[in-house]
Every structure is written in structure tokens, then in C-alpha cells.
Amino acid sequence: MTQPVLSDAEVIAALSAPDRPEWHLIAGKLVKTVACPDFVGALAFVSEVGALAEEANHHPDIDIRYNRVTLALITHDSEGITRLDLDLAQAIDRIRIEARGESGHG
């Protein structure tokens, strides 16, 4: 079953809320780039994202460039951003980058 697509205004409002996911709306997707300490750290981060994605049964597009991981979220079967994307974005924001002890905000 497809999820209802959120309007750009709804997405922008969600990204502006106090407990917002720290992502950007780019070309109709939620996008975030995370800097990790090194390539191994990037792989570890992606592994944690993968576990969250499997649990949610909702999977981001992932691009790894050495220590930088870019994630893009869109609900493909709904052809837009849905609550699933915002929920997964918030869950991903809670992942810690362990080698630096920082949050994954980037």
C-alpha cells in the first residue's frame, strides 16, 4: 500500500520543527551527507543505517565516497516524500559516529 505523499510545504515544516531531522530537501528527496573519520567508519555508519532500514522496511539510496556518505530518502512506490522518509531520517540522525563521539549530523 502506498503512503500519502507530503507536500513541499509539509516537508519544509517538518525540517523546521524543533525535533527535526537534519536533512535537506533536494530535487524531491530528503538528502544528508555525513562525514566519518575514514572509509572504515563510513562503512560502519552504512551498516548501522542498513540495520535501521531493514527494521523499517524502507531503504535509502546510499553513496559512499571515501569518508563521506550521502543518503537520499524518497518513497519510490508513492513517488514522493512520505512520513516513512521523515521517520527513517530521524532514526538515522540518532546514529553516533563512534570514532569522534559526535552525532551523524552533517
N, C-alpha and C. Protein backbone atom coordinates (compact mmCIF):
# COMPACT_ATOMS: atom_id res chain seq x y z
N MET A 1 0.84 -1.18 0.00
CA MET A 1 0.00 0.00 0.00
C MET A 1 0.89 1.24 0.00
N THR A 2 0.58 2.17 -0.89
CA THR A 2 1.38 3.39 -0.95
C THR A 2 1.02 4.34 0.18
N GLN A 3 2.01 5.10 0.58
CA GLN A 3 1.87 6.09 1.64
C GLN A 3 1.46 7.43 1.01
N PRO A 4 0.72 8.27 1.75
CA PRO A 4 0.39 9.59 1.20
C PRO A 4 1.65 10.46 1.07
N VAL A 5 1.78 11.10 -0.06
CA VAL A 5 2.92 11.98 -0.32
C VAL A 5 2.70 13.30 0.40
N LEU A 6 3.74 13.79 1.05
CA LEU A 6 3.69 15.07 1.73
C LEU A 6 3.98 16.19 0.73
N SER A 7 3.33 17.32 0.91
CA SER A 7 3.62 18.48 0.06
C SER A 7 4.99 19.04 0.43
N ASP A 8 5.56 19.85 -0.46
CA ASP A 8 6.84 20.50 -0.15
C ASP A 8 6.70 21.33 1.12
N ALA A 9 5.56 22.01 1.29
CA ALA A 9 5.34 22.83 2.48
C ALA A 9 5.34 21.96 3.74
N GLU A 10 4.73 20.78 3.69
CA GLU A 10 4.72 19.87 4.84
C GLU A 10 6.13 19.37 5.15
N VAL A 11 6.90 19.06 4.13
CA VAL A 11 8.27 18.59 4.32
C VAL A 11 9.13 19.71 4.92
N ILE A 12 9.01 20.91 4.38
CA ILE A 12 9.78 22.04 4.89
C ILE A 12 9.41 22.32 6.34
N ALA A 13 8.12 22.24 6.67
CA ALA A 13 7.69 22.44 8.05
C ALA A 13 8.30 21.37 8.96
N ALA A 14 8.31 20.12 8.50
CA ALA A 14 8.89 19.04 9.31
C ALA A 14 10.39 19.25 9.50
N LEU A 15 11.07 19.76 8.48
CA LEU A 15 12.51 20.01 8.57
C LEU A 15 12.82 21.25 9.41
N SER A 16 11.80 22.05 9.72
CA SER A 16 11.99 23.26 10.52
C SER A 16 11.55 23.07 11.97
N ALA A 17 10.94 21.93 12.29
CA ALA A 17 10.44 21.68 13.64
C ALA A 17 11.61 21.53 14.61
N PRO A 18 11.38 21.78 15.92
CA PRO A 18 12.46 21.68 16.91
C PRO A 18 13.12 20.29 16.95
N ASP A 19 12.36 19.23 16.76
CA ASP A 19 12.91 17.87 16.81
C ASP A 19 13.16 17.32 15.40
N ARG A 20 13.40 18.23 14.48
CA ARG A 20 13.50 17.89 13.05
C ARG A 20 14.67 16.97 12.73
N PRO A 21 14.50 16.20 11.66
CA PRO A 21 15.69 15.52 11.14
C PRO A 21 16.56 16.56 10.46
N GLU A 22 17.86 16.40 10.53
CA GLU A 22 18.78 17.39 9.95
C GLU A 22 19.16 16.97 8.53
N TRP A 23 18.19 17.15 7.66
CA TRP A 23 18.29 16.79 6.25
C TRP A 23 17.89 17.99 5.41
N HIS A 24 18.11 17.88 4.10
CA HIS A 24 17.75 18.95 3.16
C HIS A 24 16.81 18.38 2.11
N LEU A 25 15.91 19.20 1.64
CA LEU A 25 15.02 18.84 0.54
C LEU A 25 15.72 19.24 -0.75
N ILE A 26 16.13 18.24 -1.53
CA ILE A 26 16.85 18.49 -2.78
C ILE A 26 16.24 17.61 -3.87
N ALA A 27 15.75 18.26 -4.91
CA ALA A 27 15.20 17.56 -6.07
C ALA A 27 14.16 16.51 -5.67
N GLY A 28 13.29 16.87 -4.73
CA GLY A 28 12.20 15.98 -4.35
C GLY A 28 12.59 14.83 -3.44
N LYS A 29 13.80 14.90 -2.85
CA LYS A 29 14.26 13.85 -1.93
C LYS A 29 14.79 14.50 -0.66
N LEU A 30 14.77 13.74 0.43
CA LEU A 30 15.47 14.15 1.64
C LEU A 30 16.91 13.69 1.49
N VAL A 31 17.86 14.60 1.65
CA VAL A 31 19.27 14.29 1.41
C VAL A 31 20.11 14.74 2.59
N LYS A 32 21.09 13.90 2.93
CA LYS A 32 22.02 14.20 4.03
C LYS A 32 23.38 13.62 3.66
N THR A 33 24.44 14.39 3.93
CA THR A 33 25.80 13.89 3.78
C THR A 33 26.45 13.87 5.16
N VAL A 34 27.06 12.74 5.49
CA VAL A 34 27.70 12.55 6.79
C VAL A 34 29.19 12.34 6.57
N ALA A 35 30.01 13.08 7.30
CA ALA A 35 31.46 12.88 7.26
C ALA A 35 31.85 11.94 8.39
N CYS A 36 32.53 10.88 8.04
CA CYS A 36 33.01 9.89 9.01
C CYS A 36 34.53 10.04 9.13
N PRO A 37 35.12 9.44 10.15
CA PRO A 37 36.57 9.60 10.34
C PRO A 37 37.41 9.06 9.18
N ASP A 38 36.94 7.98 8.54
CA ASP A 38 37.69 7.35 7.46
C ASP A 38 36.75 6.41 6.72
N PHE A 39 37.28 5.66 5.76
CA PHE A 39 36.47 4.76 4.95
C PHE A 39 35.84 3.66 5.79
N VAL A 40 36.59 3.11 6.73
CA VAL A 40 36.05 2.05 7.59
C VAL A 40 34.90 2.61 8.44
N GLY A 41 35.05 3.83 8.92
CA GLY A 41 33.98 4.47 9.66
C GLY A 41 32.74 4.69 8.81
N ALA A 42 32.96 5.05 7.54
CA ALA A 42 31.84 5.23 6.62
C ALA A 42 31.10 3.91 6.43
N LEU A 43 31.85 2.83 6.28
CA LEU A 43 31.22 1.50 6.13
C LEU A 43 30.45 1.11 7.39
N ALA A 44 31.00 1.41 8.55
CA ALA A 44 30.31 1.10 9.81
C ALA A 44 29.01 1.90 9.91
N PHE A 45 29.06 3.17 9.54
CA PHE A 45 27.86 4.01 9.56
C PHE A 45 26.80 3.43 8.62
N VAL A 46 27.21 3.06 7.41
CA VAL A 46 26.27 2.49 6.44
C VAL A 46 25.67 1.19 6.97
N SER A 47 26.47 0.40 7.66
CA SER A 47 25.96 -0.83 8.26
C SER A 47 24.85 -0.53 9.27
N GLU A 48 25.05 0.51 10.08
CA GLU A 48 24.01 0.89 11.05
C GLU A 48 22.76 1.41 10.34
N VAL A 49 22.96 2.20 9.29
CA VAL A 49 21.83 2.68 8.50
C VAL A 49 21.08 1.49 7.91
N GLY A 50 21.83 0.51 7.42
CA GLY A 50 21.21 -0.68 6.84
C GLY A 50 20.34 -1.43 7.82
N ALA A 51 20.81 -1.54 9.06
CA ALA A 51 20.02 -2.22 10.08
C ALA A 51 18.72 -1.46 10.35
N LEU A 52 18.79 -0.14 10.44
CA LEU A 52 17.57 0.67 10.64
C LEU A 52 16.63 0.54 9.45
N ALA A 53 17.19 0.56 8.25
CA ALA A 53 16.38 0.47 7.04
C ALA A 53 15.66 -0.87 6.97
N GLU A 54 16.36 -1.94 7.31
CA GLU A 54 15.73 -3.27 7.31
C GLU A 54 14.60 -3.33 8.33
N GLU A 55 14.85 -2.78 9.52
CA GLU A 55 13.83 -2.77 10.57
C GLU A 55 12.59 -2.00 10.11
N ALA A 56 12.80 -0.90 9.41
CA ALA A 56 11.70 -0.07 8.93
C ALA A 56 11.11 -0.57 7.61
N ASN A 57 11.81 -1.51 6.97
CA ASN A 57 11.44 -1.98 5.63
C ASN A 57 11.31 -0.79 4.67
N HIS A 58 12.29 0.11 4.78
CA HIS A 58 12.32 1.32 3.96
C HIS A 58 13.80 1.66 3.75
N HIS A 59 14.25 1.75 2.52
CA HIS A 59 15.68 1.77 2.24
C HIS A 59 16.12 3.02 1.50
N PRO A 60 17.13 3.71 2.02
CA PRO A 60 17.64 4.92 1.36
C PRO A 60 18.57 4.56 0.20
N ASP A 61 18.74 5.52 -0.70
CA ASP A 61 19.80 5.43 -1.69
C ASP A 61 21.07 5.86 -0.96
N ILE A 62 22.16 5.13 -1.16
CA ILE A 62 23.40 5.38 -0.41
C ILE A 62 24.56 5.52 -1.39
N ASP A 63 25.37 6.57 -1.19
CA ASP A 63 26.56 6.80 -1.99
C ASP A 63 27.73 7.00 -1.02
N ILE A 64 28.77 6.18 -1.15
CA ILE A 64 29.95 6.30 -0.29
C ILE A 64 31.11 6.83 -1.13
N ARG A 65 31.73 7.91 -0.64
CA ARG A 65 32.92 8.49 -1.28
C ARG A 65 33.97 8.66 -0.19
N TYR A 66 34.84 7.68 -0.05
CA TYR A 66 35.86 7.60 0.99
C TYR A 66 35.22 7.75 2.36
N ASN A 67 35.30 8.91 3.00
CA ASN A 67 34.76 9.04 4.35
C ASN A 67 33.42 9.78 4.38
N ARG A 68 32.88 10.07 3.23
CA ARG A 68 31.60 10.79 3.16
C ARG A 68 30.50 9.85 2.64
N VAL A 69 29.39 9.86 3.36
CA VAL A 69 28.24 9.04 2.98
C VAL A 69 27.08 9.98 2.69
N THR A 70 26.53 9.89 1.49
CA THR A 70 25.35 10.67 1.14
C THR A 70 24.17 9.73 1.07
N LEU A 71 23.12 10.10 1.79
CA LEU A 71 21.88 9.32 1.84
C LEU A 71 20.77 10.13 1.20
N ALA A 72 19.90 9.47 0.47
CA ALA A 72 18.72 10.12 -0.12
C ALA A 72 17.51 9.25 0.17
N LEU A 73 16.47 9.89 0.67
CA LEU A 73 15.23 9.20 1.01
C LEU A 73 14.07 9.70 0.18
N ILE A 74 13.33 8.76 -0.38
CA ILE A 74 12.08 9.02 -1.09
C ILE A 74 11.32 7.70 -1.05
N THR A 75 10.01 7.79 -0.97
CA THR A 75 9.19 6.57 -1.01
C THR A 75 8.87 6.33 -2.48
N HIS A 76 9.61 5.41 -3.10
CA HIS A 76 9.53 5.20 -4.54
C HIS A 76 8.13 4.81 -5.00
N ASP A 77 7.46 3.91 -4.26
CA ASP A 77 6.14 3.47 -4.74
C ASP A 77 5.08 4.56 -4.60
N SER A 78 5.34 5.57 -3.78
CA SER A 78 4.44 6.72 -3.66
C SER A 78 4.90 7.88 -4.54
N GLU A 79 6.11 7.78 -5.06
CA GLU A 79 6.71 8.80 -5.93
C GLU A 79 6.84 10.16 -5.24
N GLY A 80 7.24 10.12 -3.96
CA GLY A 80 7.46 11.36 -3.23
C GLY A 80 7.89 11.09 -1.81
N ILE A 81 8.03 12.15 -1.05
CA ILE A 81 8.43 12.04 0.36
C ILE A 81 7.18 11.78 1.20
N THR A 82 7.29 10.77 2.06
CA THR A 82 6.18 10.40 2.94
C THR A 82 6.67 10.42 4.39
N ARG A 83 5.76 10.12 5.29
CA ARG A 83 6.10 10.04 6.72
C ARG A 83 7.19 8.99 6.94
N LEU A 84 7.20 7.91 6.14
CA LEU A 84 8.25 6.89 6.26
C LEU A 84 9.64 7.50 6.12
N ASP A 85 9.78 8.43 5.19
CA ASP A 85 11.08 9.07 4.95
C ASP A 85 11.49 9.93 6.15
N LEU A 86 10.55 10.72 6.65
CA LEU A 86 10.86 11.56 7.81
C LEU A 86 11.20 10.72 9.04
N ASP A 87 10.45 9.64 9.25
CA ASP A 87 10.72 8.77 10.41
C ASP A 87 12.10 8.12 10.30
N LEU A 88 12.44 7.61 9.12
CA LEU A 88 13.76 6.98 8.95
C LEU A 88 14.86 8.03 9.07
N ALA A 89 14.64 9.23 8.55
CA ALA A 89 15.64 10.30 8.67
C ALA A 89 15.92 10.59 10.14
N GLN A 90 14.88 10.69 10.96
CA GLN A 90 15.09 10.94 12.39
C GLN A 90 15.84 9.78 13.04
N ALA A 91 15.52 8.55 12.67
CA ALA A 91 16.23 7.40 13.24
C ALA A 91 17.71 7.42 12.85
N ILE A 92 17.99 7.75 11.60
CA ILE A 92 19.38 7.82 11.14
C ILE A 92 20.13 8.93 11.87
N ASP A 93 19.46 10.05 12.15
CA ASP A 93 20.11 11.15 12.87
C ASP A 93 20.56 10.75 14.27
N ARG A 94 19.98 9.71 14.82
CA ARG A 94 20.37 9.27 16.17
C ARG A 94 21.62 8.37 16.17
N ILE A 95 22.07 7.95 14.99
CA ILE A 95 23.29 7.12 14.91
C ILE A 95 24.48 7.98 15.32
N ARG A 96 25.34 7.41 16.13
CA ARG A 96 26.54 8.13 16.57
C ARG A 96 27.72 7.74 15.69
N ILE A 97 28.56 8.71 15.39
CA ILE A 97 29.82 8.44 14.70
C ILE A 97 30.83 8.17 15.80
N GLU A 98 31.06 6.88 16.09
CA GLU A 98 31.77 6.48 17.31
C GLU A 98 33.20 6.97 17.42
N ALA A 99 33.92 7.00 16.34
CA ALA A 99 35.34 7.37 16.45
C ALA A 99 35.51 8.81 16.90
N ARG A 100 34.52 9.66 16.62
CA ARG A 100 34.61 11.06 17.02
C ARG A 100 33.65 11.37 18.16
N GLY A 101 32.73 10.43 18.47
CA GLY A 101 31.78 10.65 19.55
C GLY A 101 30.77 11.74 19.23
N GLU A 102 30.53 11.99 17.93
CA GLU A 102 29.59 13.03 17.53
C GLU A 102 28.36 12.38 16.95
N SER A 103 27.31 13.17 16.85
CA SER A 103 26.12 12.67 16.16
C SER A 103 26.40 12.65 14.66
N GLY A 104 25.56 11.97 13.93
CA GLY A 104 25.75 11.86 12.49
C GLY A 104 25.26 13.06 11.72
N HIS A 105 25.03 14.19 12.36
CA HIS A 105 24.54 15.36 11.64
C HIS A 105 25.61 15.87 10.71
N GLY A 106 25.22 16.18 9.52
CA GLY A 106 26.20 16.69 8.59
C GLY A 106 25.62 17.39 7.43
